Protein backbone atom coordinates (compact mmCIF):
# COMPACT_ATOMS: atom_id res chain seq x y z
CA UNK A 1 10.67 3.45 -51.28
CA UNK A 2 12.84 6.52 -50.76
CA UNK A 3 14.03 8.21 -53.91
CA UNK A 4 17.63 7.76 -52.75
CA UNK A 5 17.12 4.00 -52.59
CA UNK A 6 15.61 3.91 -56.08
CA UNK A 7 18.49 6.02 -57.36
CA UNK A 8 21.04 3.52 -55.99
CA UNK A 9 19.16 0.66 -57.62
CA UNK A 10 19.13 2.44 -60.96
CA UNK A 11 22.86 3.14 -60.76
CA UNK A 12 23.78 -0.45 -59.95
CA UNK A 13 21.34 -1.79 -62.50
CA UNK A 14 22.74 0.25 -65.35
CA UNK A 15 26.45 0.02 -64.58
CA UNK A 16 27.13 -3.27 -62.88
CA UNK A 17 24.03 -5.06 -64.18
CA UNK A 18 22.58 -5.73 -60.75
CA UNK A 19 22.35 -9.42 -59.96
CA UNK A 20 18.56 -9.58 -60.32
CA UNK A 21 19.19 -9.52 -64.07
CA UNK A 22 22.09 -11.97 -63.94
CA UNK A 23 20.04 -15.10 -64.47
CA UNK A 24 22.08 -17.22 -66.87
CA UNK A 25 20.22 -18.38 -69.95
CA UNK A 26 20.94 -19.79 -73.34
CA UNK A 27 22.34 -17.19 -75.72
CA UNK A 28 18.99 -16.51 -77.35
CA UNK A 29 20.24 -13.46 -79.21
CA UNK A 30 23.30 -14.82 -80.99
CA UNK A 31 21.41 -14.04 -84.21
CA UNK A 32 22.59 -10.49 -83.72
CA UNK A 33 26.23 -10.87 -84.83
CA UNK A 34 27.10 -7.28 -84.01
CA UNK A 35 26.52 -7.80 -80.29
CA UNK A 36 28.52 -11.03 -80.35
CA UNK A 37 31.36 -9.25 -82.17
CA UNK A 38 31.29 -6.51 -79.51
CA UNK A 39 31.61 -9.06 -76.73
CA UNK A 40 34.53 -10.79 -78.47
CA UNK A 41 36.31 -7.52 -79.15
CA UNK A 42 35.95 -6.34 -75.54
CA UNK A 43 37.49 -9.60 -74.32
CA UNK A 44 40.45 -9.15 -76.66
CA UNK A 45 41.51 -5.71 -75.39
CA UNK A 46 44.56 -5.54 -73.16
CA UNK A 47 43.40 -2.27 -71.63
CA UNK A 48 40.52 0.17 -71.85
CA UNK A 49 40.14 3.71 -70.52
CA UNK A 50 37.11 5.95 -70.95
CA UNK A 51 35.21 8.83 -69.48
CA UNK A 52 31.59 8.06 -68.77
CA UNK A 53 28.45 10.16 -68.57
CA UNK A 54 25.09 8.92 -67.41
CA UNK A 55 21.91 10.96 -67.65
CA UNK A 56 19.17 9.51 -65.47
CA UNK A 57 15.49 10.43 -65.47
CA UNK A 58 13.71 9.49 -62.26
CA UNK A 59 10.20 10.54 -61.25
CA UNK A 60 10.30 13.34 -63.79
CA UNK A 61 13.64 14.72 -62.59
CA UNK A 62 16.90 14.55 -64.53
CA UNK A 63 20.26 13.74 -62.96
CA UNK A 64 23.67 14.24 -64.56
CA UNK A 65 26.23 11.65 -63.48
CA UNK A 66 29.84 11.48 -64.62
CA UNK A 67 32.98 9.54 -63.95
CA UNK A 68 35.73 7.31 -65.30
CA UNK A 69 36.05 3.65 -66.25
CA UNK A 70 39.22 1.58 -66.69
CA UNK A 71 39.66 -2.10 -67.46
CA UNK A 72 42.64 -4.38 -67.89
CA UNK A 73 42.56 -7.94 -69.15
CA UNK A 74 44.41 -10.43 -66.97
CA UNK A 75 43.96 -13.98 -68.23
CA UNK A 76 44.34 -16.88 -65.81
CA UNK A 77 45.58 -20.01 -67.60
CA UNK A 78 46.23 -22.47 -64.78
CA UNK A 79 44.05 -25.57 -64.62
CA UNK A 80 40.45 -25.06 -65.64
CA UNK A 81 40.21 -21.55 -64.23
CA UNK A 82 38.38 -18.87 -66.16
CA UNK A 83 39.82 -15.73 -67.69
CA UNK A 84 38.99 -12.55 -65.85
CA UNK A 85 39.73 -8.85 -65.98
CA UNK A 86 40.39 -6.04 -63.53
CA UNK A 87 38.18 -2.99 -63.78
CA UNK A 88 37.27 0.15 -61.89
CA UNK A 89 34.34 2.52 -62.15
CA UNK A 90 34.18 5.87 -60.34
CA UNK A 91 30.99 7.92 -60.45
CA UNK A 92 29.97 11.24 -58.91
CA UNK A 93 26.29 12.07 -58.82
CA UNK A 94 23.78 14.43 -57.22
CA UNK A 95 20.57 13.50 -55.44
CA UNK A 96 18.83 16.60 -56.69
CA UNK A 97 18.46 17.59 -60.31
CA UNK A 98 19.51 21.11 -59.33
CA UNK A 99 22.59 20.07 -57.32
CA UNK A 100 26.01 20.75 -58.78
CA UNK A 101 28.23 17.81 -59.65
CA UNK A 102 31.21 19.83 -58.50
CA UNK A 103 30.35 19.20 -54.86
CA UNK A 104 31.18 15.53 -55.29
CA UNK A 105 29.28 14.58 -52.12
CA UNK A 106 27.72 11.45 -53.55
CA UNK A 107 29.90 8.75 -55.03
CA UNK A 108 29.92 5.16 -56.19
CA UNK A 109 33.05 3.11 -56.79
CA UNK A 110 33.15 -0.42 -58.16
CA UNK A 111 36.52 -2.19 -58.13
CA UNK A 112 37.42 -5.66 -59.34
CA UNK A 113 40.98 -6.76 -58.56
CA UNK A 114 40.55 -10.27 -60.08
CA UNK A 115 39.77 -11.72 -56.64
CA UNK A 116 37.05 -9.51 -55.18
CA UNK A 117 34.42 -7.15 -56.56
CA UNK A 118 33.91 -4.23 -54.19
CA UNK A 119 30.88 -1.95 -54.48
CA UNK A 120 31.30 1.22 -52.41
CA UNK A 121 28.50 3.76 -52.22
CA UNK A 122 28.48 7.03 -50.28
CA UNK A 123 25.27 9.06 -50.22
CA UNK A 124 24.29 11.82 -47.81
CA UNK A 125 26.94 10.74 -45.28
CA UNK A 126 25.71 7.13 -45.42
CA UNK A 127 28.00 4.43 -46.81
CA UNK A 128 27.55 0.89 -48.10
CA UNK A 129 30.31 -1.61 -48.91
CA UNK A 130 29.31 -4.79 -50.76
CA UNK A 131 31.70 -7.64 -51.48
CA UNK A 132 31.60 -10.48 -54.05
CA UNK A 133 34.29 -13.19 -53.74
CA UNK A 134 35.13 -14.22 -57.33
CA UNK A 135 36.98 -17.39 -56.33
CA UNK A 136 33.96 -18.57 -54.38
CA UNK A 137 31.81 -17.90 -57.43
CA UNK A 138 34.24 -19.88 -59.63
CA UNK A 139 34.20 -22.81 -57.21
CA UNK A 140 30.40 -22.86 -57.35
CA UNK A 141 30.52 -22.82 -61.17
CA UNK A 142 33.01 -25.68 -61.38
CA UNK A 143 30.84 -27.84 -59.10
CA UNK A 144 27.69 -27.09 -61.08
CA UNK A 145 26.39 -29.21 -63.99
CA UNK A 146 25.81 -25.89 -65.75
CA UNK A 147 29.51 -24.95 -65.75
CA UNK A 148 29.83 -25.44 -69.52
CA UNK A 149 27.77 -22.28 -69.99
CA UNK A 150 30.53 -20.16 -68.50
CA UNK A 151 33.77 -19.63 -70.44
CA UNK A 152 34.93 -16.37 -68.92
CA UNK A 153 34.26 -14.25 -65.88
CA UNK A 154 33.95 -11.40 -68.37
CA UNK A 155 30.72 -13.03 -69.49
CA UNK A 156 29.19 -13.11 -66.03
CA UNK A 157 26.99 -10.13 -65.40
CA UNK A 158 28.22 -8.09 -62.45
CA UNK A 159 31.77 -9.50 -62.54
CA UNK A 160 32.79 -8.79 -66.10
CA UNK A 161 32.79 -5.01 -66.30
CA UNK A 162 31.71 -3.60 -69.65
CA UNK A 163 31.76 -7.04 -71.26
CA UNK A 164 29.36 -8.28 -68.61
CA UNK A 165 27.06 -5.34 -69.28
CA UNK A 166 26.96 -6.13 -73.00
CA UNK A 167 26.26 -9.78 -72.29
CA UNK A 168 23.40 -8.88 -69.94
CA UNK A 169 21.89 -6.85 -72.79
CA UNK A 170 22.25 -9.73 -75.23
CA UNK A 171 20.81 -12.31 -72.86
CA UNK A 172 17.97 -10.31 -71.35
CA UNK A 173 16.51 -8.61 -74.42
CA UNK A 174 14.93 -9.72 -77.69
CA UNK A 175 16.22 -8.09 -80.87
CA UNK A 176 13.70 -8.46 -83.68
CA UNK A 177 14.57 -5.42 -85.81
CA UNK A 178 17.55 -5.10 -88.13
CA UNK A 179 20.42 -2.84 -86.95
CA UNK A 180 20.08 0.75 -88.16
CA UNK A 181 22.93 2.62 -89.85
CA UNK A 182 23.22 5.67 -87.58
CA UNK A 183 25.47 8.73 -87.19
CA UNK A 184 26.34 9.94 -83.70
CA UNK A 185 26.86 13.68 -83.93
CA UNK A 186 29.59 15.53 -82.06
CA UNK A 187 33.04 17.06 -82.55
CA UNK A 188 33.96 13.89 -84.41
CA UNK A 189 30.86 12.31 -85.97
CA UNK A 190 30.85 8.55 -85.53
CA UNK A 191 29.12 5.93 -87.66
CA UNK A 192 27.47 3.31 -85.49
CA UNK A 193 24.93 0.51 -85.61
CA UNK A 194 21.84 1.31 -83.55
CA UNK A 195 20.36 -1.92 -82.16
CA UNK A 196 17.02 -1.92 -80.33
CA UNK A 197 15.63 -4.60 -78.05
CA UNK A 198 12.78 -5.36 -75.66
CA UNK A 199 12.98 -7.34 -72.44
CA UNK A 200 12.68 -11.11 -72.71
CA UNK A 201 9.01 -11.99 -72.01
CA UNK A 202 9.89 -14.65 -69.43
CA UNK A 203 12.20 -12.24 -67.60
CA UNK A 204 9.55 -9.55 -67.58
CA UNK A 205 7.02 -12.04 -66.26
CA UNK A 206 9.39 -13.19 -63.52
CA UNK A 207 10.11 -9.63 -62.43
CA UNK A 208 6.42 -8.79 -62.41
CA UNK A 209 5.81 -11.78 -60.15
CA UNK A 210 8.67 -10.88 -57.82
CA UNK A 211 7.40 -7.30 -57.59
CA UNK A 212 3.88 -8.45 -56.75
CA UNK A 213 2.24 -7.28 -59.94
CA UNK A 214 -1.16 -8.89 -60.56
CA UNK A 215 -2.89 -9.65 -63.85
CA UNK A 216 -5.23 -6.73 -63.24
CA UNK A 217 -2.31 -4.29 -63.11
CA UNK A 218 -0.86 -2.92 -66.32
CA UNK A 219 1.81 -0.56 -65.01
CA UNK A 220 5.38 -1.86 -64.83
CA UNK A 221 7.69 -0.18 -62.26
CA UNK A 222 9.02 3.02 -63.79
CA UNK A 223 12.68 2.48 -62.82
CA UNK A 224 13.14 -0.90 -64.56
CA UNK A 225 14.46 -0.99 -68.15
CA UNK A 226 11.96 -2.78 -70.35
CA UNK A 227 13.63 -1.53 -73.56
CA UNK A 228 17.22 -0.91 -74.63
CA UNK A 229 19.16 0.71 -77.46
CA UNK A 230 22.87 0.03 -77.89
CA UNK A 231 25.04 2.05 -80.27
CA UNK A 232 28.04 0.08 -81.57
CA UNK A 233 30.89 1.58 -83.59
CA UNK A 234 30.92 0.27 -87.15
CA UNK A 235 34.72 0.34 -87.33
CA UNK A 236 35.71 -0.91 -83.86
CA UNK A 237 32.64 -2.73 -82.44
CA UNK A 238 32.78 -0.57 -79.30
CA UNK A 239 29.50 0.11 -77.41
CA UNK A 240 29.67 3.89 -77.24
CA UNK A 241 26.14 4.34 -75.92
CA UNK A 242 23.52 2.35 -74.09
CA UNK A 243 20.06 3.86 -73.67
CA UNK A 244 17.49 2.26 -71.35
CA UNK A 245 13.77 2.97 -71.50
CA UNK A 246 10.67 2.00 -69.57
CA UNK A 247 7.39 1.10 -71.24
CA UNK A 248 4.97 0.62 -68.34
CA UNK A 249 2.26 -0.86 -70.55
CA UNK A 250 3.53 -2.97 -73.48
CA UNK A 251 0.15 -2.57 -75.17
CA UNK A 252 0.74 1.18 -75.41
CA UNK A 253 4.29 1.80 -76.72
CA UNK A 254 3.68 5.55 -76.71
CA UNK A 255 4.04 5.41 -72.92
CA UNK A 256 7.78 4.72 -73.25
CA UNK A 257 10.02 7.10 -71.31
CA UNK A 258 13.79 7.39 -70.96
CA UNK A 259 15.45 6.03 -67.81
CA UNK A 260 19.16 6.26 -68.51
CA UNK A 261 21.51 7.31 -71.28
CA UNK A 262 24.96 5.83 -70.72
CA UNK A 263 27.70 7.41 -72.84
CA UNK A 264 31.38 6.44 -73.17
CA UNK A 265 33.72 9.08 -74.62
CA UNK A 266 37.43 9.83 -74.85
CA UNK A 267 37.86 6.09 -75.26
CA UNK A 268 41.44 4.77 -75.31
CA UNK A 269 42.01 1.12 -76.21
CA UNK A 270 45.34 -0.65 -75.62
CA UNK A 271 46.89 2.67 -74.63
CA UNK A 272 49.54 1.37 -72.28
CA UNK A 273 49.40 -0.35 -68.92
CA UNK A 274 46.94 0.93 -66.33
CA UNK A 275 48.59 1.75 -62.95
CA UNK A 276 47.95 -1.09 -60.51
CA UNK A 277 47.00 1.29 -57.69
CA UNK A 278 43.75 2.05 -59.50
CA UNK A 279 42.59 -1.47 -58.73
CA UNK A 280 43.29 -1.06 -55.02
CA UNK A 281 40.51 0.43 -52.98
CA UNK A 282 40.80 3.69 -51.08
CA UNK A 283 38.20 2.54 -48.53
CA UNK A 284 38.85 0.26 -45.58
CA UNK A 285 38.45 -3.33 -46.77
CA UNK A 286 39.78 -4.66 -43.47
CA UNK A 287 36.94 -3.16 -41.47
CA UNK A 288 34.63 -6.15 -41.84
CA UNK A 289 31.98 -4.65 -39.57
CA UNK A 290 30.89 -2.38 -42.39
CA UNK A 291 31.00 -4.99 -45.13
CA UNK A 292 28.06 -6.79 -46.69
CA UNK A 293 29.20 -10.06 -48.29
CA UNK A 294 26.68 -10.71 -51.07
CA UNK A 295 28.59 -13.61 -52.67
CA UNK A 296 26.03 -16.28 -51.80
CA UNK A 297 23.18 -14.17 -53.16
CA UNK A 298 25.19 -13.54 -56.31
CA UNK A 299 25.78 -17.27 -56.83
CA UNK A 300 22.05 -17.91 -56.45
CA UNK A 301 21.36 -15.24 -59.06
CA UNK A 302 23.45 -17.21 -61.59
CA UNK A 303 21.02 -20.09 -61.32
CA UNK A 304 23.65 -22.53 -60.04
């Protein structure tokens, strides 16, 4: 696999919680009230603005990625529809650890306008445009006997922005240790809860099977996050940091290495209305020849 392809996978996995991890399951980690409080608080915000930094380690090289994230709650109350939010993520990133971010040659934009999720990626003069039709997803949910498990689009990984990311962490990892009282250092030190988790054993087993790993093999693919740490503000329940790690051999925890450190800063909550043009794409949505509609695959990933 080309390094560029792996890099795209890592980006989508960490930010939009790529659909391979979107298998719906019972909320096995509700025993961690801090994570549940974070999810509830994120759903209650009218608007959210933040700068974002993501440091990625891939094959021994480090990549500095930066961008902006905005989200606006827009509840739908008609009939039995589900509440949903609009969000936008813009990232600039290099493909070489020595390349300057200032060039801005490589970009990823994810836009949700309440109807469609667009994933636009531009790397080395190659572009990809993926599309997920939210209404089609909702129709599939309503027709499914499992529909009671879904109360909000914000809880569906890949459609729910930051809330969806937090839910994917809660549902896909086991949290056996107590939260740690921790101080994030910086210009303004911040008291947070540091919560550590390891990938659900059944999920890890399923991924190993899908990736063709045999019982004789002990090494887990180095770009998949087997461990996670989430840093939640003690005063506002905001997830200021998410760190992903890979432990290729669970029998040897000392083999753990960092994959991604996702950092939100300059966070503004309920700081006025977000301009509607930010939720309109700057790429050509009408040029269907370049679009890849992944809605059906996404619905399958929800286990419906």
